[in-house]
Amino acid sequence: MSQQDRRPIASYPTYAEAERAVDYLSDQEFPVERVAIIGHDLQLVEQVVGRVGPGRAALSGAASGALPGALIGWLFGLLSWLDPVLALYGLIFGAVIGALLGLLLYSLQRGRRDFASVSAMQPSRYEVVADAEVADQAAKLLNRLGSAAAGTTATEK
């Protein structure tokens, strides 16, 4: 269905509340495949999780290089039945190369970004929409849910 075939039936400040409303519709045997939750007014939230220094850069690089090194060593170990310890050598080699690359990349940044962060998109509100043919039925069901859902339904606006 296209966006024009849908009508908003409720709006909520959190995803959990919108999810609860759709779950309530499902519990009432409503055809929830005709419903969608839409996040509006997206903003990028970048949570800083810590400082990055040379030690952390090397450790992060070592961790990033260890797994690929182990996998490549394991593949070579499969081809050579005489020396199955190649996976361990690959892990060590990958960790050393990863640590060196982590330090190199850290030094090339020259302190411009010496912190680690996690980014996420976060809407300011969530709208529950339904196909136009069933929107009135869905709005009536959500009105029964009432203030427990803590949202505003389209009929209240």
Protein backbone atom coordinates (compact mmCIF):
# COMPACT_ATOMS: atom_id res chain seq x y z
CA MET A 1 0.00 0.00 0.00
CA SER A 2 1.16 3.53 -0.64
CA GLN A 3 1.40 6.23 2.00
CA GLN A 4 -1.80 7.93 0.72
CA ASP A 5 -3.85 4.82 1.54
CA ARG A 6 -2.97 5.06 5.23
CA ARG A 7 -4.31 7.25 8.01
CA PRO A 8 -2.74 8.07 11.37
CA ILE A 9 -4.68 6.52 14.24
CA ALA A 10 -2.45 7.36 17.23
CA SER A 11 0.77 9.14 18.16
CA TYR A 12 3.18 8.20 20.98
CA PRO A 13 6.35 9.74 22.44
CA THR A 14 8.17 6.39 22.71
CA TYR A 15 8.49 3.31 20.53
CA ALA A 16 7.51 1.06 23.43
CA GLU A 17 4.13 2.80 23.70
CA ALA A 18 3.50 2.53 19.95
CA GLU A 19 4.53 -1.13 20.06
CA ARG A 20 2.14 -1.69 22.98
CA ALA A 21 -0.71 -0.14 20.98
CA VAL A 22 -0.06 -2.46 18.02
CA ASP A 23 0.22 -5.41 20.38
CA TYR A 24 -3.15 -4.46 21.85
CA LEU A 25 -4.63 -4.37 18.33
CA SER A 26 -3.20 -7.84 17.74
CA ASP A 27 -4.73 -9.10 20.99
CA GLN A 28 -8.10 -7.81 19.77
CA GLU A 29 -7.79 -9.92 16.57
CA PHE A 30 -7.28 -6.78 14.44
CA PRO A 31 -5.46 -7.44 11.12
CA VAL A 32 -2.14 -5.89 12.24
CA GLU A 33 -0.54 -6.51 8.83
CA ARG A 34 -2.51 -3.41 7.81
CA VAL A 35 -0.77 -1.26 10.46
CA ALA A 36 2.64 0.46 10.52
CA ILE A 37 4.67 2.37 13.10
CA ILE A 38 6.36 5.45 11.64
CA GLY A 39 9.06 7.47 13.42
CA HIS A 40 8.94 11.22 12.78
CA ASP A 41 11.45 14.05 13.19
CA LEU A 42 14.59 11.92 13.13
CA GLN A 43 17.71 13.18 14.82
CA LEU A 44 21.19 11.71 14.99
CA VAL A 45 22.27 11.00 18.56
CA GLU A 46 25.97 10.29 19.03
CA GLN A 47 26.70 8.93 22.50
CA VAL A 48 30.34 9.37 23.53
CA VAL A 49 31.50 6.17 25.23
CA GLY A 50 35.06 7.06 26.17
CA ARG A 51 38.43 8.57 25.40
CA VAL A 52 40.72 6.95 22.83
CA GLY A 53 44.43 7.04 23.49
CA PRO A 54 47.30 5.11 21.93
CA GLY A 55 46.69 2.07 24.16
CA ARG A 56 42.99 1.84 23.35
CA ALA A 57 43.67 2.40 19.64
CA ALA A 58 46.22 -0.44 19.64
CA LEU A 59 43.90 -2.73 21.61
CA SER A 60 40.98 -2.02 19.31
CA GLY A 61 43.16 -2.63 16.26
CA ALA A 62 44.48 -5.88 17.74
CA ALA A 63 40.94 -7.09 18.39
CA SER A 64 39.92 -6.16 14.84
CA GLY A 65 42.90 -7.94 13.32
CA ALA A 66 42.86 -11.08 15.47
CA LEU A 67 39.70 -12.67 14.06
CA PRO A 68 40.56 -12.26 10.36
CA GLY A 69 44.09 -13.48 11.11
CA ALA A 70 42.76 -16.57 12.88
CA LEU A 71 40.34 -17.32 10.04
CA ILE A 72 43.04 -17.02 7.38
CA GLY A 73 45.40 -19.17 9.48
CA TRP A 74 42.62 -21.74 9.98
CA LEU A 75 42.02 -21.92 6.21
CA PHE A 76 45.72 -22.46 5.57
CA GLY A 77 45.73 -25.02 8.37
CA LEU A 78 42.97 -26.96 6.62
CA LEU A 79 45.08 -27.15 3.47
CA SER A 80 48.12 -28.30 5.37
CA TRP A 81 47.32 -31.30 7.61
CA LEU A 82 50.89 -31.30 8.89
CA ASP A 83 50.64 -27.94 10.68
CA PRO A 84 47.16 -27.26 12.14
CA VAL A 85 48.53 -24.59 14.52
CA LEU A 86 48.47 -22.06 11.71
CA ALA A 87 45.21 -20.65 13.10
CA LEU A 88 47.02 -19.66 16.29
CA TYR A 89 49.86 -18.11 14.32
CA GLY A 90 47.30 -16.29 12.17
CA LEU A 91 45.55 -14.96 15.27
CA ILE A 92 48.81 -13.63 16.71
CA PHE A 93 49.95 -12.17 13.38
CA GLY A 94 46.53 -10.56 12.79
CA ALA A 95 46.51 -9.04 16.28
CA VAL A 96 50.01 -7.58 15.84
CA ILE A 97 49.22 -6.14 12.40
CA GLY A 98 45.87 -4.82 13.67
CA ALA A 99 47.51 -3.14 16.66
CA LEU A 100 50.10 -1.50 14.43
CA LEU A 101 47.42 -0.28 12.03
CA GLY A 102 45.33 0.99 14.96
CA LEU A 103 48.30 3.00 16.24
CA LEU A 104 49.06 4.30 12.75
CA LEU A 105 45.49 5.48 12.18
CA TYR A 106 45.39 7.05 15.65
CA SER A 107 48.60 8.98 14.99
CA LEU A 108 47.37 10.16 11.58
CA GLN A 109 44.33 11.79 13.22
CA ARG A 110 46.60 14.01 15.34
CA GLY A 111 44.10 14.30 18.20
CA ARG A 112 41.24 15.57 16.04
CA ARG A 113 38.92 12.80 17.24
CA ASP A 114 40.31 11.18 20.33
CA PHE A 115 37.04 9.76 21.61
CA ALA A 116 34.87 6.76 20.76
CA SER A 117 31.14 7.04 20.20
CA VAL A 118 28.06 5.14 19.11
CA SER A 119 25.60 6.77 16.70
CA ALA A 120 21.89 6.10 16.42
CA MET A 121 18.90 7.65 14.68
CA GLN A 122 16.17 8.62 17.13
CA PRO A 123 12.67 9.87 16.26
CA SER A 124 10.95 12.41 18.50
CA ARG A 125 7.55 10.69 18.15
CA TYR A 126 6.01 7.53 16.72
CA GLU A 127 2.80 7.46 14.75
CA VAL A 128 0.69 4.35 14.34
CA VAL A 129 -1.00 4.37 10.93
CA ALA A 130 -3.50 1.95 9.41
CA ASP A 131 -4.95 1.34 5.97
CA ALA A 132 -7.79 3.77 5.33
CA GLU A 133 -10.39 0.97 5.12
CA VAL A 134 -9.68 -0.23 8.68
CA ALA A 135 -8.41 2.99 10.32
CA ASP A 136 -11.70 3.81 12.06
CA GLN A 137 -11.92 0.31 13.53
CA ALA A 138 -8.31 0.54 14.78
CA ALA A 139 -8.88 4.00 16.30
CA LYS A 140 -11.96 2.73 18.17
CA LEU A 141 -9.99 -0.20 19.57
CA LEU A 142 -7.17 2.09 20.70
CA ASN A 143 -9.68 4.45 22.31
CA ARG A 144 -10.76 1.45 24.44
CA LEU A 145 -7.13 1.04 25.50
CA GLY A 146 -7.46 4.62 26.72
CA SER A 147 -4.97 6.40 28.89
CA ALA A 148 -3.07 3.18 29.62
CA ALA A 149 -1.39 3.59 26.21
CA ALA A 150 -0.42 7.20 27.11
CA GLY A 151 -0.82 8.39 23.53
CA THR A 152 -3.20 10.60 21.65
CA THR A 153 -5.44 8.94 19.12
CA ALA A 154 -6.40 10.55 15.85
CA THR A 155 -10.00 10.95 17.03
CA GLU A 156 -8.82 12.97 20.07
CA LYS A 157 -6.88 15.52 17.97
